[in-house]
Amino acid sequence: MAVPKCKVSKARRDKRRSNVWKLDMPGLAKCPKCGEFTLPHRACKACGFYKGREVISVKAD
């Protein structure tokens, strides 16, 4: 069984458990065609356009 060599201080332990290193939510960009919020560098799910051209055919409701 593993045994720690020396005591880990409360500050060091809490620093490791903190949320400082966790990733933030990715930023959203507005689609220039329809105005829907999408992830950057991805085709818009609402209108199917990416970089000014249609890459996905989306059925209109």
N, C-alpha and C. Protein backbone atom coordinates (compact mmCIF):
# COMPACT_ATOMS: atom_id res chain seq x y z
N MET A 1 0.83 -1.19 0.00
CA MET A 1 0.00 0.00 0.00
C MET A 1 0.88 1.25 0.00
N ALA A 2 0.52 2.25 -0.77
CA ALA A 2 1.32 3.47 -0.87
C ALA A 2 1.17 4.31 0.39
N VAL A 3 2.30 4.81 0.85
CA VAL A 3 2.32 5.65 2.05
C VAL A 3 3.01 6.96 1.68
N PRO A 4 2.39 8.12 2.03
CA PRO A 4 3.03 9.40 1.72
C PRO A 4 4.34 9.58 2.49
N LYS A 5 5.35 10.15 1.82
CA LYS A 5 6.64 10.36 2.47
C LYS A 5 6.58 11.46 3.52
N CYS A 6 5.83 12.52 3.22
CA CYS A 6 5.71 13.60 4.20
C CYS A 6 4.34 14.25 4.09
N LYS A 7 3.99 15.01 5.12
CA LYS A 7 2.67 15.64 5.19
C LYS A 7 2.50 16.69 4.09
N VAL A 8 1.34 16.71 3.49
CA VAL A 8 1.00 17.74 2.51
C VAL A 8 0.23 18.82 3.26
N SER A 9 0.74 20.05 3.18
CA SER A 9 0.10 21.15 3.91
C SER A 9 -1.29 21.44 3.36
N LYS A 10 -2.10 22.11 4.18
CA LYS A 10 -3.48 22.44 3.77
C LYS A 10 -3.47 23.36 2.55
N ALA A 11 -2.52 24.28 2.49
CA ALA A 11 -2.44 25.21 1.36
C ALA A 11 -2.12 24.45 0.07
N ARG A 12 -1.18 23.54 0.14
CA ARG A 12 -0.79 22.77 -1.04
C ARG A 12 -1.93 21.85 -1.49
N ARG A 13 -2.60 21.22 -0.52
CA ARG A 13 -3.73 20.34 -0.82
C ARG A 13 -4.88 21.12 -1.45
N ASP A 14 -5.20 22.29 -0.88
CA ASP A 14 -6.31 23.09 -1.38
C ASP A 14 -5.99 23.71 -2.74
N LYS A 15 -4.72 24.02 -2.97
CA LYS A 15 -4.31 24.55 -4.27
C LYS A 15 -4.54 23.52 -5.37
N ARG A 16 -4.28 22.28 -5.05
CA ARG A 16 -4.48 21.19 -6.01
C ARG A 16 -5.98 20.96 -6.28
N ARG A 17 -6.80 21.13 -5.26
CA ARG A 17 -8.24 20.88 -5.38
C ARG A 17 -9.01 22.07 -5.95
N SER A 18 -8.36 23.20 -6.11
CA SER A 18 -9.06 24.41 -6.54
C SER A 18 -9.51 24.30 -8.00
N ASN A 19 -10.35 25.22 -8.41
CA ASN A 19 -10.90 25.21 -9.76
C ASN A 19 -10.12 26.10 -10.71
N VAL A 20 -8.94 26.54 -10.35
CA VAL A 20 -8.16 27.46 -11.15
C VAL A 20 -7.77 26.85 -12.49
N TRP A 21 -7.44 25.58 -12.51
CA TRP A 21 -6.90 24.94 -13.71
C TRP A 21 -7.98 24.42 -14.64
N LYS A 22 -9.25 24.41 -14.21
CA LYS A 22 -10.31 23.84 -15.04
C LYS A 22 -10.64 24.77 -16.20
N LEU A 23 -11.08 24.19 -17.31
CA LEU A 23 -11.38 24.95 -18.52
C LEU A 23 -12.67 25.73 -18.39
N ASP A 24 -12.72 26.87 -19.06
CA ASP A 24 -13.93 27.68 -19.12
C ASP A 24 -14.79 27.23 -20.29
N MET A 25 -16.01 27.70 -20.30
CA MET A 25 -16.91 27.40 -21.41
C MET A 25 -16.38 28.08 -22.67
N PRO A 26 -16.43 27.40 -23.82
CA PRO A 26 -15.93 28.03 -25.04
C PRO A 26 -16.77 29.24 -25.44
N GLY A 27 -16.12 30.23 -26.03
CA GLY A 27 -16.81 31.43 -26.46
C GLY A 27 -17.72 31.15 -27.64
N LEU A 28 -18.83 31.85 -27.70
CA LEU A 28 -19.77 31.68 -28.80
C LEU A 28 -19.65 32.85 -29.76
N ALA A 29 -19.78 32.56 -31.04
CA ALA A 29 -19.73 33.60 -32.08
C ALA A 29 -21.09 33.68 -32.75
N LYS A 30 -21.47 34.87 -33.17
CA LYS A 30 -22.74 35.07 -33.84
C LYS A 30 -22.59 34.76 -35.32
N CYS A 31 -23.52 34.00 -35.87
CA CYS A 31 -23.51 33.67 -37.29
C CYS A 31 -23.83 34.93 -38.08
N PRO A 32 -22.99 35.29 -39.06
CA PRO A 32 -23.26 36.51 -39.84
C PRO A 32 -24.49 36.38 -40.74
N LYS A 33 -24.88 35.14 -41.07
CA LYS A 33 -26.01 34.92 -41.97
C LYS A 33 -27.36 35.03 -41.24
N CYS A 34 -27.50 34.28 -40.12
CA CYS A 34 -28.80 34.23 -39.45
C CYS A 34 -28.80 34.83 -38.05
N GLY A 35 -27.62 35.09 -37.48
CA GLY A 35 -27.54 35.70 -36.15
C GLY A 35 -27.59 34.71 -35.00
N GLU A 36 -27.63 33.44 -35.30
CA GLU A 36 -27.67 32.39 -34.26
C GLU A 36 -26.28 32.26 -33.65
N PHE A 37 -26.20 31.94 -32.34
CA PHE A 37 -24.93 31.74 -31.68
C PHE A 37 -24.42 30.34 -31.96
N THR A 38 -23.16 30.23 -32.42
CA THR A 38 -22.54 28.95 -32.72
C THR A 38 -21.10 28.95 -32.19
N LEU A 39 -20.49 27.77 -32.16
CA LEU A 39 -19.09 27.68 -31.80
C LEU A 39 -18.25 28.21 -32.96
N PRO A 40 -17.14 28.90 -32.67
CA PRO A 40 -16.32 29.43 -33.75
C PRO A 40 -15.68 28.31 -34.58
N HIS A 41 -15.45 28.57 -35.85
CA HIS A 41 -14.82 27.65 -36.80
C HIS A 41 -15.65 26.39 -37.03
N ARG A 42 -16.97 26.52 -36.92
CA ARG A 42 -17.87 25.40 -37.19
C ARG A 42 -19.06 25.91 -37.99
N ALA A 43 -19.65 25.02 -38.77
CA ALA A 43 -20.83 25.40 -39.56
C ALA A 43 -22.00 25.67 -38.63
N CYS A 44 -22.82 26.63 -39.01
CA CYS A 44 -24.00 27.00 -38.22
C CYS A 44 -25.05 25.91 -38.36
N LYS A 45 -25.59 25.45 -37.23
CA LYS A 45 -26.60 24.39 -37.27
C LYS A 45 -27.96 24.93 -37.69
N ALA A 46 -28.17 26.22 -37.54
CA ALA A 46 -29.47 26.80 -37.88
C ALA A 46 -29.62 27.01 -39.38
N CYS A 47 -28.57 27.56 -40.04
CA CYS A 47 -28.69 27.86 -41.47
C CYS A 47 -27.78 27.01 -42.35
N GLY A 48 -26.75 26.37 -41.76
CA GLY A 48 -25.87 25.48 -42.53
C GLY A 48 -24.75 26.18 -43.27
N PHE A 49 -24.51 27.46 -42.99
CA PHE A 49 -23.47 28.21 -43.68
C PHE A 49 -22.18 28.24 -42.88
N TYR A 50 -21.05 28.26 -43.60
CA TYR A 50 -19.73 28.43 -43.00
C TYR A 50 -18.87 29.21 -43.97
N LYS A 51 -18.29 30.29 -43.53
CA LYS A 51 -17.46 31.18 -44.35
C LYS A 51 -18.18 31.65 -45.61
N GLY A 52 -19.46 31.99 -45.47
CA GLY A 52 -20.21 32.56 -46.57
C GLY A 52 -20.77 31.59 -47.59
N ARG A 53 -20.57 30.29 -47.39
CA ARG A 53 -21.14 29.32 -48.34
C ARG A 53 -21.86 28.23 -47.57
N GLU A 54 -22.84 27.62 -48.23
CA GLU A 54 -23.64 26.57 -47.58
C GLU A 54 -22.88 25.25 -47.61
N VAL A 55 -22.63 24.69 -46.45
CA VAL A 55 -21.91 23.42 -46.36
C VAL A 55 -22.83 22.29 -45.87
N ILE A 56 -23.94 22.66 -45.21
CA ILE A 56 -24.91 21.69 -44.74
C ILE A 56 -26.28 22.13 -45.24
N SER A 57 -27.02 21.21 -45.83
CA SER A 57 -28.36 21.56 -46.25
C SER A 57 -29.31 21.37 -45.07
N VAL A 58 -29.97 22.46 -44.66
CA VAL A 58 -30.87 22.46 -43.52
C VAL A 58 -32.29 22.61 -44.02
N LYS A 59 -33.17 21.73 -43.56
CA LYS A 59 -34.57 21.80 -43.98
C LYS A 59 -35.25 22.97 -43.28
N ALA A 60 -36.01 23.76 -44.01
CA ALA A 60 -36.75 24.88 -43.44
C ALA A 60 -38.04 24.37 -42.82
N ASP A 61 -38.36 24.89 -41.63
CA ASP A 61 -39.58 24.46 -40.93
C ASP A 61 -40.78 25.24 -41.41
